[in-house]
PDB file of N, CA and C in Angstrom:
ATOM      1  N   MET A   1     -54.618  62.776 -85.861  1.00  0.00           N
ATOM      2  CA  MET A   1     -55.872  62.006 -86.321  1.00  0.00           C
ATOM      3  C   MET A   1     -55.987  62.784 -87.391  1.00  0.00           C
ATOM      4  N   SER A   2     -56.152  62.783 -89.008  1.00  0.00           N
ATOM      5  CA  SER A   2     -57.041  63.220 -90.050  1.00  0.00           C
ATOM      6  C   SER A   2     -58.105  63.673 -89.139  1.00  0.00           C
ATOM      7  N   GLY A   3     -59.051  64.307 -90.491  1.00  0.00           N
ATOM      8  CA  GLY A   3     -60.333  64.697 -90.374  1.00  0.00           C
ATOM      9  C   GLY A   3     -60.974  63.781 -91.102  1.00  0.00           C
ATOM     10  N   GLU A   4     -60.330  62.589 -91.727  1.00  0.00           N
ATOM     11  CA  GLU A   4     -61.008  61.388 -91.996  1.00  0.00           C
ATOM     12  C   GLU A   4     -61.354  61.246 -91.772  1.00  0.00           C
ATOM     13  N   GLU A   5     -60.200  60.614 -90.762  1.00  0.00           N
ATOM     14  CA  GLU A   5     -60.337  59.214 -89.459  1.00  0.00           C
ATOM     15  C   GLU A   5     -61.186  60.392 -88.512  1.00  0.00           C
ATOM     16  N   ARG A   6     -61.179  61.256 -87.975  1.00  0.00           N
ATOM     17  CA  ARG A   6     -62.521  61.854 -87.203  1.00  0.00           C
ATOM     18  C   ARG A   6     -63.753  61.591 -87.372  1.00  0.00           C
ATOM     19  N   LEU A   7     -64.225  61.610 -88.812  1.00  0.00           N
ATOM     20  CA  LEU A   7     -65.013  61.634 -89.221  1.00  0.00           C
ATOM     21  C   LEU A   7     -65.330  60.218 -88.959  1.00  0.00           C
ATOM     22  N   VAL A   8     -64.793  58.976 -89.859  1.00  0.00           N
ATOM     23  CA  VAL A   8     -65.146  57.711 -89.694  1.00  0.00           C
ATOM     24  C   VAL A   8     -65.748  56.593 -88.523  1.00  0.00           C
ATOM     25  N   LYS A   9     -64.669  57.473 -87.523  1.00  0.00           N
ATOM     26  CA  LYS A   9     -64.851  57.059 -86.070  1.00  0.00           C
ATOM     27  C   LYS A   9     -65.777  57.935 -85.375  1.00  0.00           C
ATOM     28  N   ALA A  10     -66.283  59.441 -85.765  1.00  0.00           N
ATOM     29  CA  ALA A  10     -67.444  59.807 -84.990  1.00  0.00           C
ATOM     30  C   ALA A  10     -69.203  58.804 -85.706  1.00  0.00           C
ATOM     31  N   THR A  11     -68.383  58.525 -87.254  1.00  0.00           N
ATOM     32  CA  THR A  11     -70.024  57.487 -87.977  1.00  0.00           C
ATOM     33  C   THR A  11     -70.324  56.278 -87.029  1.00  0.00           C
ATOM     34  N   ILE A  12     -68.934  55.335 -86.649  1.00  0.00           N
ATOM     35  CA  ILE A  12     -68.845  54.149 -86.575  1.00  0.00           C
ATOM     36  C   ILE A  12     -69.904  54.548 -84.934  1.00  0.00           C
ATOM     37  N   ARG A  13     -69.034  55.428 -84.039  1.00  0.00           N
ATOM     38  CA  ARG A  13     -69.660  55.606 -82.827  1.00  0.00           C
ATOM     39  C   ARG A  13     -71.071  55.969 -83.037  1.00  0.00           C
ATOM     40  N   GLY A  14     -71.385  56.416 -83.512  1.00  0.00           N
ATOM     41  CA  GLY A  14     -73.324  57.185 -84.076  1.00  0.00           C
ATOM     42  C   GLY A  14     -73.693  56.187 -83.664  1.00  0.00           C
ATOM     43  N   LEU A  15     -73.194  54.680 -84.787  1.00  0.00           N
ATOM     44  CA  LEU A  15     -73.990  53.604 -84.963  1.00  0.00           C
ATOM     45  C   LEU A  15     -73.729  52.602 -83.789  1.00  0.00           C
ATOM     46  N   SER A  16     -72.819  52.681 -82.576  1.00  0.00           N
ATOM     47  CA  SER A  16     -72.782  51.804 -81.819  1.00  0.00           C
ATOM     48  C   SER A  16     -74.004  51.141 -81.640  1.00  0.00           C
ATOM     49  N   ARG A  17     -74.450  52.046 -80.447  1.00  0.00           N
ATOM     50  CA  ARG A  17     -76.144  51.025 -80.186  1.00  0.00           C
ATOM     51  C   ARG A  17     -77.360  50.415 -80.831  1.00  0.00           C
ATOM     52  N   ALA A  18     -76.929  50.179 -81.985  1.00  0.00           N
ATOM     53  CA  ALA A  18     -77.590  49.854 -83.264  1.00  0.00           C
ATOM     54  C   ALA A  18     -76.300  48.438 -83.584  1.00  0.00           C
ATOM     55  N   ILE A  19     -75.133  48.853 -83.421  1.00  0.00           N
ATOM     56  CA  ILE A  19     -74.464  47.344 -84.016  1.00  0.00           C
ATOM     57  C   ILE A  19     -74.670  46.583 -82.590  1.00  0.00           C
ATOM     58  N   ILE A  20     -74.096  47.259 -81.376  1.00  0.00           N
ATOM     59  CA  ILE A  20     -74.686  46.108 -80.062  1.00  0.00           C
ATOM     60  C   ILE A  20     -76.149  45.289 -80.226  1.00  0.00           C
ATOM     61  N   LEU A  21     -77.293  46.380 -80.544  1.00  0.00           N
ATOM     62  CA  LEU A  21     -78.494  45.813 -80.460  1.00  0.00           C
ATOM     63  C   LEU A  21     -79.086  44.437 -81.933  1.00  0.00           C
ATOM     64  N   TRP A  22     -77.684  44.704 -82.918  1.00  0.00           N
ATOM     65  CA  TRP A  22     -77.588  43.960 -83.890  1.00  0.00           C
ATOM     66  C   TRP A  22     -77.176  42.571 -83.605  1.00  0.00           C
ATOM     67  N   LEU A  23     -75.746  42.741 -82.550  1.00  0.00           N
ATOM     68  CA  LEU A  23     -74.659  41.673 -82.480  1.00  0.00           C
ATOM     69  C   LEU A  23     -75.677  40.774 -81.372  1.00  0.00           C
ATOM     70  N   LEU A  24     -76.632  41.297 -80.590  1.00  0.00           N
ATOM     71  CA  LEU A  24     -77.265  40.838 -79.814  1.00  0.00           C
ATOM     72  C   LEU A  24     -78.798  39.517 -80.476  1.00  0.00           C
ATOM     73  N   LEU A  25     -78.684  39.822 -81.476  1.00  0.00           N
ATOM     74  CA  LEU A  25     -79.678  39.500 -82.154  1.00  0.00           C
ATOM     75  C   LEU A  25     -79.406  37.989 -82.245  1.00  0.00           C
ATOM     76  N   GLY A  26     -78.130  36.962 -82.430  1.00  0.00           N
ATOM     77  CA  GLY A  26     -77.770  36.184 -82.892  1.00  0.00           C
ATOM     78  C   GLY A  26     -77.786  35.520 -81.266  1.00  0.00           C
ATOM     79  N   GLU A  27     -77.372  35.994 -80.234  1.00  0.00           N
ATOM     80  CA  GLU A  27     -77.332  35.390 -79.592  1.00  0.00           C
ATOM     81  C   GLU A  27     -76.880  36.385 -77.887  1.00  0.00           C
ATOM     82  N   GLY A  28     -76.986  35.617 -76.851  1.00  0.00           N
ATOM     83  CA  GLY A  28     -76.564  36.864 -76.062  1.00  0.00           C
ATOM     84  C   GLY A  28     -74.965  36.914 -75.443  1.00  0.00           C
ATOM     85  N   MET A  29     -74.176  38.084 -75.168  1.00  0.00           N
ATOM     86  CA  MET A  29     -72.868  37.590 -74.643  1.00  0.00           C
ATOM     87  C   MET A  29     -72.838  38.689 -73.853  1.00  0.00           C
ATOM     88  N   SER A  30     -71.343  38.537 -73.367  1.00  0.00           N
ATOM     89  CA  SER A  30     -71.090  39.176 -72.080  1.00  0.00           C
ATOM     90  C   SER A  30     -70.788  40.871 -72.375  1.00  0.00           C
ATOM     91  N   GLY A  31     -70.781  41.453 -71.259  1.00  0.00           N
ATOM     92  CA  GLY A  31     -69.867  42.962 -72.006  1.00  0.00           C
ATOM     93  C   GLY A  31     -68.179  42.647 -72.183  1.00  0.00           C
ATOM     94  N   TYR A  32     -67.751  41.817 -71.772  1.00  0.00           N
ATOM     95  CA  TYR A  32     -65.986  41.651 -72.429  1.00  0.00           C
ATOM     96  C   TYR A  32     -66.390  41.179 -74.164  1.00  0.00           C
ATOM     97  N   LYS A  33     -67.077  39.961 -74.250  1.00  0.00           N
ATOM     98  CA  LYS A  33     -67.598  39.401 -75.426  1.00  0.00           C
ATOM     99  C   LYS A  33     -67.634  40.816 -76.666  1.00  0.00           C
ATOM    100  N   LEU A  34     -68.881  41.645 -76.061  1.00  0.00           N
ATOM    101  CA  LEU A  34     -69.212  42.231 -77.107  1.00  0.00           C
ATOM    102  C   LEU A  34     -68.630  43.375 -77.513  1.00  0.00           C
ATOM    103  N   THR A  35     -67.524  44.095 -76.346  1.00  0.00           N
ATOM    104  CA  THR A  35     -66.802  44.483 -76.700  1.00  0.00           C
ATOM    105  C   THR A  35     -65.119  43.892 -77.291  1.00  0.00           C
ATOM    106  N   LYS A  36     -64.582  43.002 -77.169  1.00  0.00           N
ATOM    107  CA  LYS A  36     -64.201  42.071 -78.510  1.00  0.00           C
ATOM    108  C   LYS A  36     -64.911  42.412 -80.033  1.00  0.00           C
ATOM    109  N   GLU A  37     -66.235  41.843 -79.882  1.00  0.00           N
ATOM    110  CA  GLU A  37     -66.746  41.901 -81.451  1.00  0.00           C
ATOM    111  C   GLU A  37     -66.683  43.154 -81.650  1.00  0.00           C
ATOM    112  N   MET A  38     -67.306  44.290 -80.826  1.00  0.00           N
ATOM    113  CA  MET A  38     -67.500  45.694 -81.891  1.00  0.00           C
ATOM    114  C   MET A  38     -65.673  46.399 -81.943  1.00  0.00           C
ATOM    115  N   ARG A  39     -64.930  45.681 -81.660  1.00  0.00           N
ATOM    116  CA  ARG A  39     -63.814  46.103 -81.924  1.00  0.00           C
ATOM    117  C   ARG A  39     -63.302  45.464 -83.140  1.00  0.00           C
ATOM    118  N   ARG A  40     -63.869  44.454 -83.740  1.00  0.00           N
ATOM    119  CA  ARG A  40     -63.289  43.119 -84.640  1.00  0.00           C
ATOM    120  C   ARG A  40     -63.963  43.578 -85.845  1.00  0.00           C
ATOM    121  N   ILE A  41     -65.772  44.138 -85.662  1.00  0.00           N
ATOM    122  CA  ILE A  41     -66.386  44.314 -86.684  1.00  0.00           C
ATOM    123  C   ILE A  41     -65.738  45.740 -87.232  1.00  0.00           C
ATOM    124  N   THR A  42     -65.741  46.909 -86.229  1.00  0.00           N
ATOM    125  CA  THR A  42     -65.699  48.078 -86.102  1.00  0.00           C
ATOM    126  C   THR A  42     -64.026  48.533 -86.721  1.00  0.00           C
ATOM    127  N   GLY A  43     -62.921  47.673 -86.614  1.00  0.00           N
ATOM    128  CA  GLY A  43     -62.222  47.988 -86.401  1.00  0.00           C
ATOM    129  C   GLY A  43     -61.690  49.396 -85.539  1.00  0.00           C
ATOM    130  N   GLN A  44     -62.076  49.846 -84.459  1.00  0.00           N
ATOM    131  CA  GLN A  44     -61.955  50.787 -83.701  1.00  0.00           C
ATOM    132  C   GLN A  44     -61.731  50.112 -82.372  1.00  0.00           C
ATOM    133  N   PRO A  45     -60.546  50.998 -81.683  1.00  0.00           N
ATOM    134  CA  PRO A  45     -60.448  50.466 -80.381  1.00  0.00           C
ATOM    135  C   PRO A  45     -61.972  51.106 -79.008  1.00  0.00           C
ATOM    136  N   TYR A  46     -62.469  50.049 -79.032  1.00  0.00           N
ATOM    137  CA  TYR A  46     -63.586  49.999 -77.851  1.00  0.00           C
ATOM    138  C   TYR A  46     -62.636  49.714 -77.120  1.00  0.00           C
ATOM    139  N   THR A  47     -63.036  49.973 -75.988  1.00  0.00           N
ATOM    140  CA  THR A  47     -63.014  50.009 -74.390  1.00  0.00           C
ATOM    141  C   THR A  47     -63.759  49.542 -73.504  1.00  0.00           C
ATOM    142  N   PRO A  48     -64.074  48.889 -72.077  1.00  0.00           N
ATOM    143  CA  PRO A  48     -65.229  48.901 -71.626  1.00  0.00           C
ATOM    144  C   PRO A  48     -65.754  50.526 -70.969  1.00  0.00           C
ATOM    145  N   GLY A  49     -64.684  51.232 -70.633  1.00  0.00           N
ATOM    146  CA  GLY A  49     -65.214  52.624 -70.547  1.00  0.00           C
ATOM    147  C   GLY A  49     -66.177  53.079 -71.809  1.00  0.00           C
ATOM    148  N   VAL A  50     -66.175  52.585 -72.468  1.00  0.00           N
ATOM    149  CA  VAL A  50     -66.722  53.004 -73.519  1.00  0.00           C
ATOM    150  C   VAL A  50     -68.100  52.156 -73.969  1.00  0.00           C
ATOM    151  N   ILE A  51     -68.291  50.509 -73.936  1.00  0.00           N
ATOM    152  CA  ILE A  51     -68.970  49.647 -74.129  1.00  0.00           C
ATOM    153  C   ILE A  51     -69.853  49.816 -72.999  1.00  0.00           C
ATOM    154  N   TYR A  52     -69.738  49.736 -71.717  1.00  0.00           N
ATOM    155  CA  TYR A  52     -70.380  49.322 -69.941  1.00  0.00           C
ATOM    156  C   TYR A  52     -71.169  50.484 -70.447  1.00  0.00           C
ATOM    157  N   PRO A  53     -71.143  52.137 -70.505  1.00  0.00           N
ATOM    158  CA  PRO A  53     -71.974  53.074 -70.309  1.00  0.00           C
ATOM    159  C   PRO A  53     -73.471  53.023 -71.654  1.00  0.00           C
ATOM    160  N   LEU A  54     -72.973  52.174 -72.718  1.00  0.00           N
ATOM    161  CA  LEU A  54     -73.700  51.825 -73.704  1.00  0.00           C
ATOM    162  C   LEU A  54     -74.599  51.023 -73.355  1.00  0.00           C
ATOM    163  N   LEU A  55     -74.254  50.082 -72.755  1.00  0.00           N
ATOM    164  CA  LEU A  55     -74.716  48.751 -72.485  1.00  0.00           C
ATOM    165  C   LEU A  55     -76.102  49.700 -71.161  1.00  0.00           C
ATOM    166  N   TYR A  56     -75.752  50.106 -70.487  1.00  0.00           N
ATOM    167  CA  TYR A  56     -76.165  50.562 -69.158  1.00  0.00           C
ATOM    168  C   TYR A  56     -77.179  51.774 -69.860  1.00  0.00           C
ATOM    169  N   GLU A  57     -76.875  52.276 -70.888  1.00  0.00           N
ATOM    170  CA  GLU A  57     -77.876  52.892 -71.447  1.00  0.00           C
ATOM    171  C   GLU A  57     -79.422  52.166 -72.494  1.00  0.00           C
ATOM    172  N   LEU A  58     -79.062  50.988 -72.894  1.00  0.00           N
ATOM    173  CA  LEU A  58     -79.913  50.216 -73.515  1.00  0.00           C
ATOM    174  C   LEU A  58     -80.525  49.290 -72.338  1.00  0.00           C
ATOM    175  N   GLU A  59     -79.796  49.017 -71.509  1.00  0.00           N
ATOM    176  CA  GLU A  59     -80.554  48.375 -70.284  1.00  0.00           C
ATOM    177  C   GLU A  59     -81.651  49.354 -69.745  1.00  0.00           C
ATOM    178  N   GLU A  60     -81.582  50.367 -69.758  1.00  0.00           N
ATOM    179  CA  GLU A  60     -82.154  51.318 -69.001  1.00  0.00           C
ATOM    180  C   GLU A  60     -83.596  51.645 -69.713  1.00  0.00           C
ATOM    181  N   LYS A  61     -83.308  51.462 -71.470  1.00  0.00           N
ATOM    182  CA  LYS A  61     -84.182  51.667 -72.114  1.00  0.00           C
ATOM    183  C   LYS A  61     -85.123  50.435 -72.528  1.00  0.00           C
ATOM    184  N   ARG A  62     -84.805  49.690 -71.595  1.00  0.00           N
ATOM    185  CA  ARG A  62     -85.408  48.039 -72.303  1.00  0.00           C
ATOM    186  C   ARG A  62     -85.202  47.566 -73.034  1.00  0.00           C
ATOM    187  N   LEU A  63     -84.089  48.314 -73.789  1.00  0.00           N
ATOM    188  CA  LEU A  63     -83.911  47.203 -75.562  1.00  0.00           C
ATOM    189  C   LEU A  63     -82.884  46.589 -75.349  1.00  0.00           C
ATOM    190  N   ILE A  64     -82.613  46.168 -74.208  1.00  0.00           N
ATOM    191  CA  ILE A  64     -81.386  45.020 -73.927  1.00  0.00           C
ATOM    192  C   ILE A  64     -81.899  44.542 -72.327  1.00  0.00           C
ATOM    193  N   ILE A  65     -81.596  43.184 -71.895  1.00  0.00           N
ATOM    194  CA  ILE A  65     -81.376  42.887 -70.730  1.00  0.00           C
ATOM    195  C   ILE A  65     -80.397  42.188 -70.399  1.00  0.00           C
ATOM    196  N   GLY A  66     -79.429  42.369 -69.103  1.00  0.00           N
ATOM    197  CA  GLY A  66     -78.830  41.692 -68.654  1.00  0.00           C
ATOM    198  C   GLY A  66     -79.088  40.820 -67.264  1.00  0.00           C
ATOM    199  N   GLU A  67     -78.565  39.800 -67.365  1.00  0.00           N
ATOM    200  CA  GLU A  67     -78.947  39.187 -66.250  1.00  0.00           C
ATOM    201  C   GLU A  67     -77.477  38.207 -66.217  1.00  0.00           C
ATOM    202  N   TRP A  68     -76.944  38.073 -64.202  1.00  0.00           N
ATOM    203  CA  TRP A  68     -76.254  38.176 -63.640  1.00  0.00           C
ATOM    204  C   TRP A  68     -75.998  36.209 -63.794  1.00  0.00           C
ATOM    205  N   MET A  69     -74.877  35.636 -64.427  1.00  0.00           N
ATOM    206  CA  MET A  69     -74.502  34.384 -64.703  1.00  0.00           C
ATOM    207  C   MET A  69     -73.374  34.295 -63.891  1.00  0.00           C
ATOM    208  N   GLN A  70     -73.342  32.795 -63.159  1.00  0.00           N
ATOM    209  CA  GLN A  70     -72.040  32.181 -62.621  1.00  0.00           C
ATOM    210  C   GLN A  70     -71.931  31.633 -63.557  1.00  0.00           C
ATOM    211  N   LYS A  71     -70.380  32.170 -63.714  1.00  0.00           N
ATOM    212  CA  LYS A  71     -69.235  31.076 -64.701  1.00  0.00           C
ATOM    213  C   LYS A  71     -67.800  31.058 -63.702  1.00  0.00           C
ATOM    214  N   GLY A  72     -67.810  29.556 -63.675  1.00  0.00           N
ATOM    215  CA  GLY A  72     -66.543  28.903 -62.432  1.00  0.00           C
ATOM    216  C   GLY A  72     -66.971  30.191 -61.123  1.00  0.00           C
ATOM    217  N   ARG A  73     -66.042  31.213 -60.607  1.00  0.00           N
ATOM    218  CA  ARG A  73     -65.950  31.706 -59.477  1.00  0.00           C
ATOM    219  C   ARG A  73     -66.235  32.987 -59.222  1.00  0.00           C
ATOM    220  N   ARG A  74     -66.689  33.137 -61.100  1.00  0.00           N
ATOM    221  CA  ARG A  74     -67.009  34.477 -61.288  1.00  0.00           C
ATOM    222  C   ARG A  74     -68.741  34.814 -61.520  1.00  0.00           C
ATOM    223  N   LYS A  75     -68.510  35.901 -61.732  1.00  0.00           N
ATOM    224  CA  LYS A  75     -70.202  36.341 -62.294  1.00  0.00           C
ATOM    225  C   LYS A  75     -70.010  37.334 -63.387  1.00  0.00           C
ATOM    226  N   LEU A  76     -70.599  36.604 -64.227  1.00  0.00           N
ATOM    227  CA  LEU A  76     -70.898  37.647 -65.573  1.00  0.00           C
ATOM    228  C   LEU A  76     -72.398  37.832 -65.993  1.00  0.00           C
ATOM    229  N   LYS A  77     -71.990  39.373 -66.605  1.00  0.00           N
ATOM    230  CA  LYS A  77     -73.451  39.769 -66.809  1.00  0.00           C
ATOM    231  C   LYS A  77     -73.711  39.440 -68.396  1.00  0.00           C
ATOM    232  N   HIS A  78     -74.912  38.825 -68.916  1.00  0.00           N
ATOM    233  CA  HIS A  78     -75.064  38.285 -69.851  1.00  0.00           C
ATOM    234  C   HIS A  78     -76.215  39.181 -70.566  1.00  0.00           C
ATOM    235  N   TYR A  79     -75.857  39.558 -71.484  1.00  0.00           N
ATOM    236  CA  TYR A  79     -76.671  40.161 -72.499  1.00  0.00           C
ATOM    237  C   TYR A  79     -77.773  40.027 -73.574  1.00  0.00           C
ATOM    238  N   SER A  80     -78.932  39.940 -73.399  1.00  0.00           N
ATOM    239  CA  SER A  80     -79.909  39.711 -74.906  1.00  0.00           C
ATOM    240  C   SER A  80     -80.875  41.103 -75.041  1.00  0.00           C
ATOM    241  N   ILE A  81     -81.121  40.671 -76.422  1.00  0.00           N
ATOM    242  CA  ILE A  81     -81.875  42.195 -77.245  1.00  0.00           C
ATOM    243  C   ILE A  81     -83.683  41.879 -76.666  1.00  0.00           C
ATOM    244  N   THR A  82     -84.239  42.690 -76.248  1.00  0.00           N
ATOM    245  CA  THR A  82     -85.456  42.181 -76.152  1.00  0.00           C
ATOM    246  C   THR A  82     -86.715  42.406 -77.184  1.00  0.00           C
ATOM    247  N   ASP A  83     -87.931  42.509 -77.166  1.00  0.00           N
ATOM    248  CA  ASP A  83     -88.694  42.769 -78.165  1.00  0.00           C
ATOM    249  C   ASP A  83     -88.483  43.831 -78.647  1.00  0.00           C
ATOM    250  N   GLU A  84     -88.762  44.658 -77.602  1.00  0.00           N
ATOM    251  CA  GLU A  84     -88.291  46.658 -77.895  1.00  0.00           C
ATOM    252  C   GLU A  84     -87.215  46.624 -78.660  1.00  0.00           C
ATOM    253  N   GLY A  85     -86.461  46.270 -78.180  1.00  0.00           N
ATOM    254  CA  GLY A  85     -84.796  46.401 -78.869  1.00  0.00           C
ATOM    255  C   GLY A  85     -85.421  45.872 -80.467  1.00  0.00           C
ATOM    256  N   ARG A  86     -85.420  44.571 -80.325  1.00  0.00           N
ATOM    257  CA  ARG A  86     -85.442  44.557 -81.892  1.00  0.00           C
ATOM    258  C   ARG A  86     -86.816  45.244 -82.548  1.00  0.00           C
ATOM    259  N   LYS A  87     -87.594  46.045 -82.176  1.00  0.00           N
ATOM    260  CA  LYS A  87     -88.676  46.570 -82.596  1.00  0.00           C
ATOM    261  C   LYS A  87     -87.635  47.915 -83.377  1.00  0.00           C
ATOM    262  N   VAL A  88     -86.753  48.035 -82.387  1.00  0.00           N
ATOM    263  CA  VAL A  88     -86.151  49.568 -82.633  1.00  0.00           C
ATOM    264  C   VAL A  88     -85.007  49.215 -83.399  1.00  0.00           C
ATOM    265  N   LEU A  89     -84.711  48.497 -83.312  1.00  0.00           N
ATOM    266  CA  LEU A  89     -83.459  47.846 -84.394  1.00  0.00           C
ATOM    267  C   LEU A  89     -84.064  47.861 -86.058  1.00  0.00           C
ATOM    268  N   ASN A  90     -85.484  47.388 -86.027  1.00  0.00           N
ATOM    269  CA  ASN A  90     -86.017  47.320 -86.997  1.00  0.00           C
ATOM    270  C   ASN A  90     -86.489  48.648 -88.084  1.00  0.00           C
ATOM    271  N   ASN A  91     -86.890  49.346 -86.768  1.00  0.00           N
ATOM    272  CA  ASN A  91     -86.685  50.811 -87.113  1.00  0.00           C
ATOM    273  C   ASN A  91     -85.841  51.471 -87.730  1.00  0.00           C
ATOM    274  N   ILE A  92     -84.422  51.686 -87.200  1.00  0.00           N
ATOM    275  CA  ILE A  92     -83.341  51.562 -87.997  1.00  0.00           C
ATOM    276  C   ILE A  92     -82.761  51.037 -89.211  1.00  0.00           C
ATOM    277  N   ARG A  93     -83.325  49.815 -89.146  1.00  0.00           N
ATOM    278  CA  ARG A  93     -82.913  49.766 -90.189  1.00  0.00           C
ATOM    279  C   ARG A  93     -83.658  49.964 -91.770  1.00  0.00           C
ATOM    280  N   GLY A  94     -84.921  50.098 -91.153  1.00  0.00           N
ATOM    281  CA  GLY A  94     -85.749  50.801 -92.376  1.00  0.00           C
ATOM    282  C   GLY A  94     -85.384  52.199 -92.127  1.00  0.00           C
ATOM    283  N   ALA A  95     -85.211  52.892 -91.472  1.00  0.00           N
ATOM    284  CA  ALA A  95     -84.489  54.590 -91.644  1.00  0.00           C
ATOM    285  C   ALA A  95     -83.419  54.347 -92.574  1.00  0.00           C
ATOM    286  N   LEU A  96     -82.710  54.004 -92.141  1.00  0.00           N
ATOM    287  CA  LEU A  96     -81.440  53.469 -93.265  1.00  0.00           C
ATOM    288  C   LEU A  96     -81.097  53.026 -94.419  1.00  0.00           C
ATOM    289  N   GLU A  97     -82.020  52.346 -94.407  1.00  0.00           N
ATOM    290  CA  GLU A  97     -81.889  50.765 -95.666  1.00  0.00           C
ATOM    291  C   GLU A  97     -81.376  52.157 -96.975  1.00  0.00           C
ATOM    292  N   LYS A  98     -82.554  52.835 -97.434  1.00  0.00           N
ATOM    293  CA  LYS A  98     -82.197  53.399 -98.380  1.00  0.00           C
ATOM    294  C   LYS A  98     -81.338  54.949 -98.619  1.00  0.00           C
ATOM    295  N   PRO A  99     -81.046  55.010 -97.389  1.00  0.00           N
ATOM    296  CA  PRO A  99     -79.947  56.265 -97.549  1.00  0.00           C
ATOM    297  C   PRO A  99     -78.410  55.571 -97.870  1.00  0.00           C
ATOM    298  N   ILE A 100     -78.133  54.665 -97.010  1.00  0.00           N
ATOM    299  CA  ILE A 100     -77.183  53.973 -97.230  1.00  0.00           C
ATOM    300  C   ILE A 100     -76.935  53.375 -98.842  1.00  0.00           C
ATOM    301  N   LYS A 101     -78.026  52.286 -98.991  1.00  0.00           N
ATOM    302  CA  LYS A 101     -78.224  52.122-100.417  1.00  0.00           C
ATOM    303  C   LYS A 101     -77.736  52.842-101.914  1.00  0.00           C
ATOM    304  N   ASP A 102     -78.258  53.573-101.350  1.00  0.00           N
ATOM    305  CA  ASP A 102     -77.835  55.138-102.340  1.00  0.00           C
ATOM    306  C   ASP A 102     -76.325  55.723-102.311  1.00  0.00           C
ATOM    307  N   LEU A 103     -76.147  55.840-101.301  1.00  0.00           N
ATOM    308  CA  LEU A 103     -75.049  56.250-100.778  1.00  0.00           C
ATOM    309  C   LEU A 103     -73.246  54.803-101.064  1.00  0.00           C
ATOM    310  N   LEU A 104     -74.044  53.900-101.144  1.00  0.00           N
ATOM    311  CA  LEU A 104     -73.041  52.676-101.692  1.00  0.00           C
ATOM    312  C   LEU A 104     -72.985  52.754-102.665  1.00  0.00           C
ATOM    313  N   MET A 105     -74.250  52.498-103.564  1.00  0.00           N
ATOM    314  CA  MET A 105     -74.357  52.860-104.910  1.00  0.00           C
ATOM    315  C   MET A 105     -73.616  53.980-105.784  1.00  0.00           C
ATOM    316  N   ASP A 106     -73.738  55.197-104.383  1.00  0.00           N
ATOM    317  CA  ASP A 106     -72.526  56.457-105.528  1.00  0.00           C
ATOM    318  C   ASP A 106     -71.313  56.160-105.142  1.00  0.00           C
ATOM    319  N   LEU A 107     -71.332  55.869-104.508  1.00  0.00           N
ATOM    320  CA  LEU A 107     -69.429  55.166-103.986  1.00  0.00           C
ATOM    321  C   LEU A 107     -68.868  54.530-104.619  1.00  0.00           C
ATOM    322  N   ILE A 108     -70.138  53.878-105.655  1.00  0.00           N
ATOM    323  CA  ILE A 108     -69.155  52.511-106.528  1.00  0.00           C
ATOM    324  C   ILE A 108     -69.149  52.376-107.819  1.00  0.00           C
ATOM    325  N   GLU A 109     -69.905  53.403-108.536  1.00  0.00           N
ATOM    326  CA  GLU A 109     -70.058  53.925-109.553  1.00  0.00           C
ATOM    327  C   GLU A 109     -69.048  54.795-110.025  1.00  0.00           C
TER     328      GLU A 109
END
């Protein structure tokens, strides 16, 4: 893996918590579905071993809530964002908005 690829991967991994909160804004999802969505959006090989520790951390901080649901014979934990999670995501947006816009403008000029 080149230095550039490592930098891209590290940047995306650093934003993982924010991306999870953002994904949960629309509707709640299982950890499995979140893993699939993270792979689709980022193009990175997210695994349950990466996603579930992040979900547990976000749950511990009360930014998301996980509720067990019965689906057929299986129980799935369904995650949704809390009001506190929405506040944190809005703060992240505010902190990143100007630097990201400036970066993108610089890249396209």
